[in-house]
Amino acid sequence: MEDDWKEPQKILVILAHPDDPEFFCGATIARWTSAGHKVTYWLLTCGDKGASNPETNPGELCGDRQAEQLAAAAVLGVHDVNFLDFPDGYLAPDLQLRKEVTRIIRKERPDVLVTCDPKTLYVGESRINHPDHRAAGQVVLDAVFPAAGNPLYFPELIRDENLMPHTPREVWISLTLEPSMRIDVTDLWDTKLRALFEHRSQIGDRSEFVERMRTRHTPDSTPENPRYEEVFRRIVFI
């Protein structure tokens, strides 16, 4: 299945960490920007715990990862990147964060919003999904409905900031085990990889990373003739 938009869309991506957009849906984002859609990122943390070396300075890592994210987004054609700078690893889908996300939605007023699936606890057979990913997906969905579109939720956003209610027309949920959309991104897989290369602090040895990413072809294809997909749960409000 493919998107079926006839006009340029304003697309808002809200995820937990620098590198999440590129890993979860980077090729689809590249497709959207090349088609003339406007994509904006909001990352809830700056990834200040994304290292295993105990000597790492979290503040320096935060700065490095923000710079990496700006460079990676530019590869995909995204030039509006924002950070809320909540502490990495400590995200909770509470009312404070829900208000912050509601503010972002009302400020950006997207046609389409992209986040991740809060129900994804396991990734494959060898990994547990990061709690920040699950918290981000939960708080974004809770903000989309009912808070962002209802004037009785966080009325101070109207009173103090003149941020009127807004509900996106569609929500695309990445990192899901229950997809309703499969986007063939084979022709943009190398673009996705080029963007991910900018996340130098996260990918380790580049050749080993490329080898791992090349194995993510669809089950009906082969390493010699691979096909790649990015999948989403798509919700269209009626």
C-alpha atoms as a PDB file:
ATOM      1  CA  MET A   1       0.000   0.000   0.000  1.00  0.00           C
ATOM      2  CA  GLU A   2       1.101   3.546  -0.712  1.00  0.00           C
ATOM      3  CA  ASP A   3       0.106   6.988   0.531  1.00  0.00           C
ATOM      4  CA  ASP A   4      -2.514   8.606  -1.668  1.00  0.00           C
ATOM      5  CA  TRP A   5      -2.084  12.320  -1.031  1.00  0.00           C
ATOM      6  CA  LYS A   6      -2.884  14.641  -3.918  1.00  0.00           C
ATOM      7  CA  GLU A   7      -1.524  17.825  -2.288  1.00  0.00           C
ATOM      8  CA  PRO A   8       1.674  18.622  -0.335  1.00  0.00           C
ATOM      9  CA  GLN A   9       1.326  17.577   3.284  1.00  0.00           C
ATOM     10  CA  LYS A  10       2.711  19.026   6.494  1.00  0.00           C
ATOM     11  CA  ILE A  11       4.183  16.016   8.314  1.00  0.00           C
ATOM     12  CA  LEU A  12       5.239  16.109  11.977  1.00  0.00           C
ATOM     13  CA  VAL A  13       7.545  13.395  13.346  1.00  0.00           C
ATOM     14  CA  ILE A  14       7.597  13.067  17.154  1.00  0.00           C
ATOM     15  CA  LEU A  15       9.920  10.378  18.513  1.00  0.00           C
ATOM     16  CA  ALA A  16      12.124   9.834  21.538  1.00  0.00           C
ATOM     17  CA  HIS A  17      15.772  10.047  20.448  1.00  0.00           C
ATOM     18  CA  PRO A  18      18.115  11.424  17.830  1.00  0.00           C
ATOM     19  CA  ASP A  19      18.417   8.643  15.217  1.00  0.00           C
ATOM     20  CA  ASP A  20      14.885   7.270  15.820  1.00  0.00           C
ATOM     21  CA  PRO A  21      13.440   8.925  12.689  1.00  0.00           C
ATOM     22  CA  GLU A  22      16.204   7.536  10.488  1.00  0.00           C
ATOM     23  CA  PHE A  23      16.086   4.030  11.948  1.00  0.00           C
ATOM     24  CA  PHE A  24      12.305   3.732  12.106  1.00  0.00           C
ATOM     25  CA  CYS A  25      11.270   5.392   8.852  1.00  0.00           C
ATOM     26  CA  GLY A  26      14.170   7.249   7.241  1.00  0.00           C
ATOM     27  CA  ALA A  27      13.559   5.976   3.716  1.00  0.00           C
ATOM     28  CA  THR A  28       9.879   6.918   3.853  1.00  0.00           C
ATOM     29  CA  ILE A  29      10.809  10.383   5.098  1.00  0.00           C
ATOM     30  CA  ALA A  30      13.182  10.767   2.147  1.00  0.00           C
ATOM     31  CA  ARG A  31      10.379   9.727  -0.173  1.00  0.00           C
ATOM     32  CA  TRP A  32       8.056  12.317   1.345  1.00  0.00           C
ATOM     33  CA  THR A  33      10.485  15.209   1.115  1.00  0.00           C
ATOM     34  CA  SER A  34      11.396  14.344  -2.480  1.00  0.00           C
ATOM     35  CA  ALA A  35       7.674  14.436  -3.304  1.00  0.00           C
ATOM     36  CA  GLY A  36       7.409  17.982  -1.927  1.00  0.00           C
ATOM     37  CA  HIS A  37       5.958  17.292   1.508  1.00  0.00           C
ATOM     38  CA  LYS A  38       7.217  19.389   4.463  1.00  0.00           C
ATOM     39  CA  VAL A  39       8.614  17.251   7.299  1.00  0.00           C
ATOM     40  CA  THR A  40       9.393  18.573  10.776  1.00  0.00           C
ATOM     41  CA  TYR A  41      11.077  16.661  13.597  1.00  0.00           C
ATOM     42  CA  TRP A  42      10.517  17.003  17.325  1.00  0.00           C
ATOM     43  CA  LEU A  43      12.721  14.692  19.434  1.00  0.00           C
ATOM     44  CA  LEU A  44      11.735  14.384  23.071  1.00  0.00           C
ATOM     45  CA  THR A  45      15.278  13.728  24.391  1.00  0.00           C
ATOM     46  CA  CYS A  46      18.785  14.512  23.176  1.00  0.00           C
ATOM     47  CA  GLY A  47      20.038  10.965  23.714  1.00  0.00           C
ATOM     48  CA  ASP A  48      22.445  11.871  26.492  1.00  0.00           C
ATOM     49  CA  LYS A  49      22.705   8.238  27.705  1.00  0.00           C
ATOM     50  CA  GLY A  50      23.321   6.679  24.299  1.00  0.00           C
ATOM     51  CA  ALA A  51      26.771   5.300  25.193  1.00  0.00           C
ATOM     52  CA  SER A  52      28.211   2.420  27.223  1.00  0.00           C
ATOM     53  CA  ASN A  53      31.529   4.049  28.209  1.00  0.00           C
ATOM     54  CA  PRO A  54      31.307   5.131  31.883  1.00  0.00           C
ATOM     55  CA  GLU A  55      33.678   8.010  31.126  1.00  0.00           C
ATOM     56  CA  THR A  56      31.174   9.574  28.699  1.00  0.00           C
ATOM     57  CA  ASN A  57      30.131  13.130  29.524  1.00  0.00           C
ATOM     58  CA  PRO A  58      26.333  13.217  29.054  1.00  0.00           C
ATOM     59  CA  GLY A  59      26.307  16.916  28.194  1.00  0.00           C
ATOM     60  CA  GLU A  60      28.910  16.477  25.483  1.00  0.00           C
ATOM     61  CA  LEU A  61      27.110  13.426  24.140  1.00  0.00           C
ATOM     62  CA  CYS A  62      23.871  15.402  23.997  1.00  0.00           C
ATOM     63  CA  GLY A  63      25.559  18.081  21.886  1.00  0.00           C
ATOM     64  CA  ASP A  64      27.170  15.497  19.632  1.00  0.00           C
ATOM     65  CA  ARG A  65      23.915  13.671  19.054  1.00  0.00           C
ATOM     66  CA  GLN A  66      22.010  16.842  18.298  1.00  0.00           C
ATOM     67  CA  ALA A  67      24.620  17.752  15.689  1.00  0.00           C
ATOM     68  CA  GLU A  68      24.434  14.232  14.251  1.00  0.00           C
ATOM     69  CA  GLN A  69      20.658  14.477  14.073  1.00  0.00           C
ATOM     70  CA  LEU A  70      20.769  17.770  12.187  1.00  0.00           C
ATOM     71  CA  ALA A  71      23.185  16.280   9.653  1.00  0.00           C
ATOM     72  CA  ALA A  72      21.180  13.052   9.260  1.00  0.00           C
ATOM     73  CA  ALA A  73      17.914  14.913   8.801  1.00  0.00           C
ATOM     74  CA  ALA A  74      19.484  17.104   6.115  1.00  0.00           C
ATOM     75  CA  VAL A  75      20.423  13.977   4.134  1.00  0.00           C
ATOM     76  CA  LEU A  76      16.714  13.108   4.065  1.00  0.00           C
ATOM     77  CA  GLY A  77      15.646  16.634   3.111  1.00  0.00           C
ATOM     78  CA  VAL A  78      14.482  17.660   6.594  1.00  0.00           C
ATOM     79  CA  HIS A  79      15.689  21.040   7.821  1.00  0.00           C
ATOM     80  CA  ASP A  80      13.350  21.752  10.751  1.00  0.00           C
ATOM     81  CA  VAL A  81      14.619  19.739  13.725  1.00  0.00           C
ATOM     82  CA  ASN A  82      13.698  20.483  17.333  1.00  0.00           C
ATOM     83  CA  PHE A  83      14.543  18.959  20.725  1.00  0.00           C
ATOM     84  CA  LEU A  84      12.597  19.034  23.997  1.00  0.00           C
ATOM     85  CA  ASP A  85      15.697  17.820  25.880  1.00  0.00           C
ATOM     86  CA  PHE A  86      13.978  15.623  28.445  1.00  0.00           C
ATOM     87  CA  PRO A  87      16.516  13.276  30.082  1.00  0.00           C
ATOM     88  CA  ASP A  88      17.250  10.212  27.984  1.00  0.00           C
ATOM     89  CA  GLY A  89      15.941   7.002  29.510  1.00  0.00           C
ATOM     90  CA  TYR A  90      13.551   8.690  31.912  1.00  0.00           C
ATOM     91  CA  LEU A  91      10.598   9.530  29.652  1.00  0.00           C
ATOM     92  CA  ALA A  92       7.209   8.934  31.248  1.00  0.00           C
ATOM     93  CA  PRO A  93       3.871   9.430  29.485  1.00  0.00           C
ATOM     94  CA  ASP A  94       2.599  11.709  32.239  1.00  0.00           C
ATOM     95  CA  LEU A  95       0.499  14.874  32.101  1.00  0.00           C
ATOM     96  CA  GLN A  96       3.531  17.160  31.988  1.00  0.00           C
ATOM     97  CA  LEU A  97       4.862  15.514  28.845  1.00  0.00           C
ATOM     98  CA  ARG A  98       1.374  15.189  27.360  1.00  0.00           C
ATOM     99  CA  LYS A  99       0.938  18.944  27.681  1.00  0.00           C
ATOM    100  CA  GLU A 100       4.299  19.539  25.986  1.00  0.00           C
ATOM    101  CA  VAL A 101       3.343  17.291  23.073  1.00  0.00           C
ATOM    102  CA  THR A 102      -0.105  18.868  22.851  1.00  0.00           C
ATOM    103  CA  ARG A 103       1.621  22.246  22.604  1.00  0.00           C
ATOM    104  CA  ILE A 104       3.795  20.979  19.750  1.00  0.00           C
ATOM    105  CA  ILE A 105       0.815  19.598  17.829  1.00  0.00           C
ATOM    106  CA  ARG A 106      -1.173  22.804  18.227  1.00  0.00           C
ATOM    107  CA  LYS A 107       1.853  24.882  17.253  1.00  0.00           C
ATOM    108  CA  GLU A 108       2.861  22.838  14.190  1.00  0.00           C
ATOM    109  CA  ARG A 109      -0.713  21.966  13.059  1.00  0.00           C
ATOM    110  CA  PRO A 110       0.324  18.974  10.924  1.00  0.00           C
ATOM    111  CA  ASP A 111      -1.779  17.148   8.380  1.00  0.00           C
ATOM    112  CA  VAL A 112       0.037  13.911   9.238  1.00  0.00           C
ATOM    113  CA  LEU A 113       1.745  12.926  12.479  1.00  0.00           C
ATOM    114  CA  VAL A 114       4.343  10.147  12.776  1.00  0.00           C
ATOM    115  CA  THR A 115       5.257   8.420  16.023  1.00  0.00           C
ATOM    116  CA  CYS A 116       5.957   4.835  17.183  1.00  0.00           C
ATOM    117  CA  ASP A 117       3.929   2.012  18.653  1.00  0.00           C
ATOM    118  CA  PRO A 118       3.770   1.979  22.473  1.00  0.00           C
ATOM    119  CA  LYS A 119       2.684  -1.667  22.412  1.00  0.00           C
ATOM    120  CA  THR A 120       5.958  -2.915  20.899  1.00  0.00           C
ATOM    121  CA  LEU A 121       7.745  -4.450  23.869  1.00  0.00           C
ATOM    122  CA  TYR A 122       9.989  -6.913  22.025  1.00  0.00           C
ATOM    123  CA  VAL A 123      11.985  -6.338  18.846  1.00  0.00           C
ATOM    124  CA  GLY A 124      12.734  -9.638  17.172  1.00  0.00           C
ATOM    125  CA  GLU A 125      13.969 -12.478  19.359  1.00  0.00           C
ATOM    126  CA  SER A 126      16.964 -10.792  20.923  1.00  0.00           C
ATOM    127  CA  ARG A 127      15.997  -7.263  21.995  1.00  0.00           C
ATOM    128  CA  ILE A 128      13.640  -5.442  24.337  1.00  0.00           C
ATOM    129  CA  ASN A 129      12.269  -2.196  22.948  1.00  0.00           C
ATOM    130  CA  HIS A 130      13.609   0.911  24.683  1.00  0.00           C
ATOM    131  CA  PRO A 131      11.188   2.259  27.335  1.00  0.00           C
ATOM    132  CA  ASP A 132      11.567   5.760  25.877  1.00  0.00           C
ATOM    133  CA  HIS A 133      10.200   4.515  22.559  1.00  0.00           C
ATOM    134  CA  ARG A 134       7.146   3.085  24.273  1.00  0.00           C
ATOM    135  CA  ALA A 135       6.646   6.188  26.411  1.00  0.00           C
ATOM    136  CA  ALA A 136       6.992   8.472  23.395  1.00  0.00           C
ATOM    137  CA  GLY A 137       4.440   6.549  21.386  1.00  0.00           C
ATOM    138  CA  GLN A 138       2.000   6.468  24.296  1.00  0.00           C
ATOM    139  CA  VAL A 139       2.224  10.163  25.121  1.00  0.00           C
ATOM    140  CA  VAL A 140       1.946  11.216  21.479  1.00  0.00           C
ATOM    141  CA  LEU A 141      -1.163   9.124  20.910  1.00  0.00           C
ATOM    142  CA  ASP A 142      -2.664  10.415  24.171  1.00  0.00           C
ATOM    143  CA  ALA A 143      -1.970  13.973  23.031  1.00  0.00           C
ATOM    144  CA  VAL A 144      -3.406  13.430  19.561  1.00  0.00           C
ATOM    145  CA  PHE A 145      -6.646  12.135  21.057  1.00  0.00           C
ATOM    146  CA  PRO A 146      -8.283  13.701  22.804  1.00  0.00           C
ATOM    147  CA  ALA A 147      -6.092  16.516  24.094  1.00  0.00           C
ATOM    148  CA  ALA A 148      -4.767  18.354  21.043  1.00  0.00           C
ATOM    149  CA  GLY A 149      -8.136  18.798  19.395  1.00  0.00           C
ATOM    150  CA  ASN A 150     -10.243  19.540  22.464  1.00  0.00           C
ATOM    151  CA  PRO A 151     -10.321  23.115  23.874  1.00  0.00           C
ATOM    152  CA  LEU A 152     -11.132  21.853  27.357  1.00  0.00           C
ATOM    153  CA  TYR A 153      -7.768  20.086  27.636  1.00  0.00           C
ATOM    154  CA  PHE A 154      -4.933  22.360  28.761  1.00  0.00           C
ATOM    155  CA  PRO A 155      -7.039  25.527  28.243  1.00  0.00           C
ATOM    156  CA  GLU A 156      -4.051  27.588  29.330  1.00  0.00           C
ATOM    157  CA  LEU A 157      -2.501  26.848  25.932  1.00  0.00           C
ATOM    158  CA  ILE A 158      -5.334  28.864  24.402  1.00  0.00           C
ATOM    159  CA  ARG A 159      -5.464  31.512  27.121  1.00  0.00           C
ATOM    160  CA  ASP A 160      -1.718  32.140  27.465  1.00  0.00           C
ATOM    161  CA  GLU A 161      -0.247  31.083  24.112  1.00  0.00           C
ATOM    162  CA  ASN A 162      -3.143  31.396  21.657  1.00  0.00           C
ATOM    163  CA  LEU A 163      -2.631  27.786  20.560  1.00  0.00           C
ATOM    164  CA  MET A 164      -5.952  26.692  19.155  1.00  0.00           C
ATOM    165  CA  PRO A 165      -7.062  23.038  19.124  1.00  0.00           C
ATOM    166  CA  HIS A 166      -5.854  20.927  16.235  1.00  0.00           C
ATOM    167  CA  THR A 167      -6.137  17.239  15.336  1.00  0.00           C
ATOM    168  CA  PRO A 168      -3.960  15.774  12.555  1.00  0.00           C
ATOM    169  CA  ARG A 169      -5.904  14.144   9.761  1.00  0.00           C
ATOM    170  CA  GLU A 170      -3.719  11.024   9.908  1.00  0.00           C
ATOM    171  CA  VAL A 171      -1.378   9.288  12.337  1.00  0.00           C
ATOM    172  CA  TRP A 172       1.339   6.940  11.049  1.00  0.00           C
ATOM    173  CA  ILE A 173       2.703   4.611  13.740  1.00  0.00           C
ATOM    174  CA  SER A 174       6.163   3.199  13.086  1.00  0.00           C
ATOM    175  CA  LEU A 175       8.039   0.391  14.865  1.00  0.00           C
ATOM    176  CA  THR A 176       4.819  -1.596  14.977  1.00  0.00           C
ATOM    177  CA  LEU A 177       4.125  -5.311  14.938  1.00  0.00           C
ATOM    178  CA  GLU A 178       0.616  -4.662  13.604  1.00  0.00           C
ATOM    179  CA  PRO A 179       1.167  -2.745  10.354  1.00  0.00           C
ATOM    180  CA  SER A 180      -1.568  -1.750   7.955  1.00  0.00           C
ATOM    181  CA  MET A 181       0.857  -0.048   5.526  1.00  0.00           C
ATOM    182  CA  ARG A 182       3.923  -1.505   3.845  1.00  0.00           C
ATOM    183  CA  ILE A 183       5.997   0.992   1.914  1.00  0.00           C
ATOM    184  CA  ASP A 184       8.488  -0.395  -0.590  1.00  0.00           C
ATOM    185  CA  VAL A 185      11.620   1.693   0.009  1.00  0.00           C
ATOM    186  CA  THR A 186      14.161  -0.400  -1.895  1.00  0.00           C
ATOM    187  CA  ASP A 187      15.144   2.529  -4.095  1.00  0.00           C
ATOM    188  CA  LEU A 188      15.735   4.729  -1.019  1.00  0.00           C
ATOM    189  CA  TRP A 189      17.530   2.233   1.233  1.00  0.00           C
ATOM    190  CA  ASP A 190      20.934   3.678   0.398  1.00  0.00           C
ATOM    191  CA  THR A 191      19.638   7.159   1.250  1.00  0.00           C
ATOM    192  CA  LYS A 192      18.467   5.833   4.612  1.00  0.00           C
ATOM    193  CA  LEU A 193      21.940   4.362   5.183  1.00  0.00           C
ATOM    194  CA  ARG A 194      23.647   7.641   4.270  1.00  0.00           C
ATOM    195  CA  ALA A 195      21.518   9.423   6.843  1.00  0.00           C
ATOM    196  CA  LEU A 196      22.292   6.798   9.474  1.00  0.00           C
ATOM    197  CA  PHE A 197      26.017   7.153   8.786  1.00  0.00           C
ATOM    198  CA  GLU A 198      25.741  10.647  10.289  1.00  0.00           C
ATOM    199  CA  HIS A 199      24.886   9.078  13.660  1.00  0.00           C
ATOM    200  CA  ARG A 200      28.525   8.227  14.183  1.00  0.00           C
ATOM    201  CA  SER A 201      28.236   7.857  17.947  1.00  0.00           C
ATOM    202  CA  GLN A 202      25.599   5.131  17.545  1.00  0.00           C
ATOM    203  CA  ILE A 203      26.398   2.869  14.616  1.00  0.00           C
ATOM    204  CA  GLY A 204      29.855   1.529  15.506  1.00  0.00           C
ATOM    205  CA  ASP A 205      31.952   0.044  12.713  1.00  0.00           C
ATOM    206  CA  ARG A 206      30.448   1.256   9.456  1.00  0.00           C
ATOM    207  CA  SER A 207      31.082  -1.896   7.420  1.00  0.00           C
ATOM    208  CA  GLU A 208      29.551  -4.115  10.104  1.00  0.00           C
ATOM    209  CA  PHE A 209      26.615  -1.746  10.389  1.00  0.00           C
ATOM    210  CA  VAL A 210      25.994  -1.848   6.639  1.00  0.00           C
ATOM    211  CA  GLU A 211      26.128  -5.637   6.700  1.00  0.00           C
ATOM    212  CA  ARG A 212      23.498  -5.727   9.462  1.00  0.00           C
ATOM    213  CA  MET A 213      21.247  -3.283   7.654  1.00  0.00           C
ATOM    214  CA  ARG A 214      21.534  -5.234   4.388  1.00  0.00           C
ATOM    215  CA  THR A 215      20.071  -8.280   6.135  1.00  0.00           C
ATOM    216  CA  ARG A 216      16.811  -6.422   6.771  1.00  0.00           C
ATOM    217  CA  HIS A 217      15.417  -7.270   3.373  1.00  0.00           C
ATOM    218  CA  THR A 218      11.924  -8.708   3.101  1.00  0.00           C
ATOM    219  CA  PRO A 219      11.462 -12.486   3.546  1.00  0.00           C
ATOM    220  CA  ASP A 220      10.388 -12.806  -0.082  1.00  0.00           C
ATOM    221  CA  SER A 221      13.675 -11.369  -1.381  1.00  0.00           C
ATOM    222  CA  THR A 222      17.336 -12.394  -1.268  1.00  0.00           C
ATOM    223  CA  PRO A 223      20.656 -10.732  -0.408  1.00  0.00           C
ATOM    224  CA  GLU A 224      21.475 -10.814  -4.123  1.00  0.00           C
ATOM    225  CA  ASN A 225      18.186  -9.150  -5.081  1.00  0.00           C
ATOM    226  CA  PRO A 226      16.930  -7.492  -1.900  1.00  0.00           C
ATOM    227  CA  ARG A 227      13.695  -5.631  -1.345  1.00  0.00           C
ATOM    228  CA  TYR A 228      13.238  -3.352   1.649  1.00  0.00           C
ATOM    229  CA  GLU A 229      10.089  -2.116   3.347  1.00  0.00           C
ATOM    230  CA  GLU A 230       9.154   0.284   6.121  1.00  0.00           C
ATOM    231  CA  VAL A 231       5.877  -0.494   7.837  1.00  0.00           C
ATOM    232  CA  PHE A 232       3.307   1.583   9.685  1.00  0.00           C
ATOM    233  CA  ARG A 233      -0.049   1.408  11.365  1.00  0.00           C
ATOM    234  CA  ARG A 234      -2.012   4.159   9.586  1.00  0.00           C
ATOM    235  CA  ILE A 235      -4.951   5.837  11.305  1.00  0.00           C
ATOM    236  CA  VAL A 236      -7.097   8.188   9.218  1.00  0.00           C
ATOM    237  CA  PHE A 237      -9.608  10.171  11.233  1.00  0.00           C
ATOM    238  CA  ILE A 238     -13.039  10.441   9.648  1.00  0.00           C
END
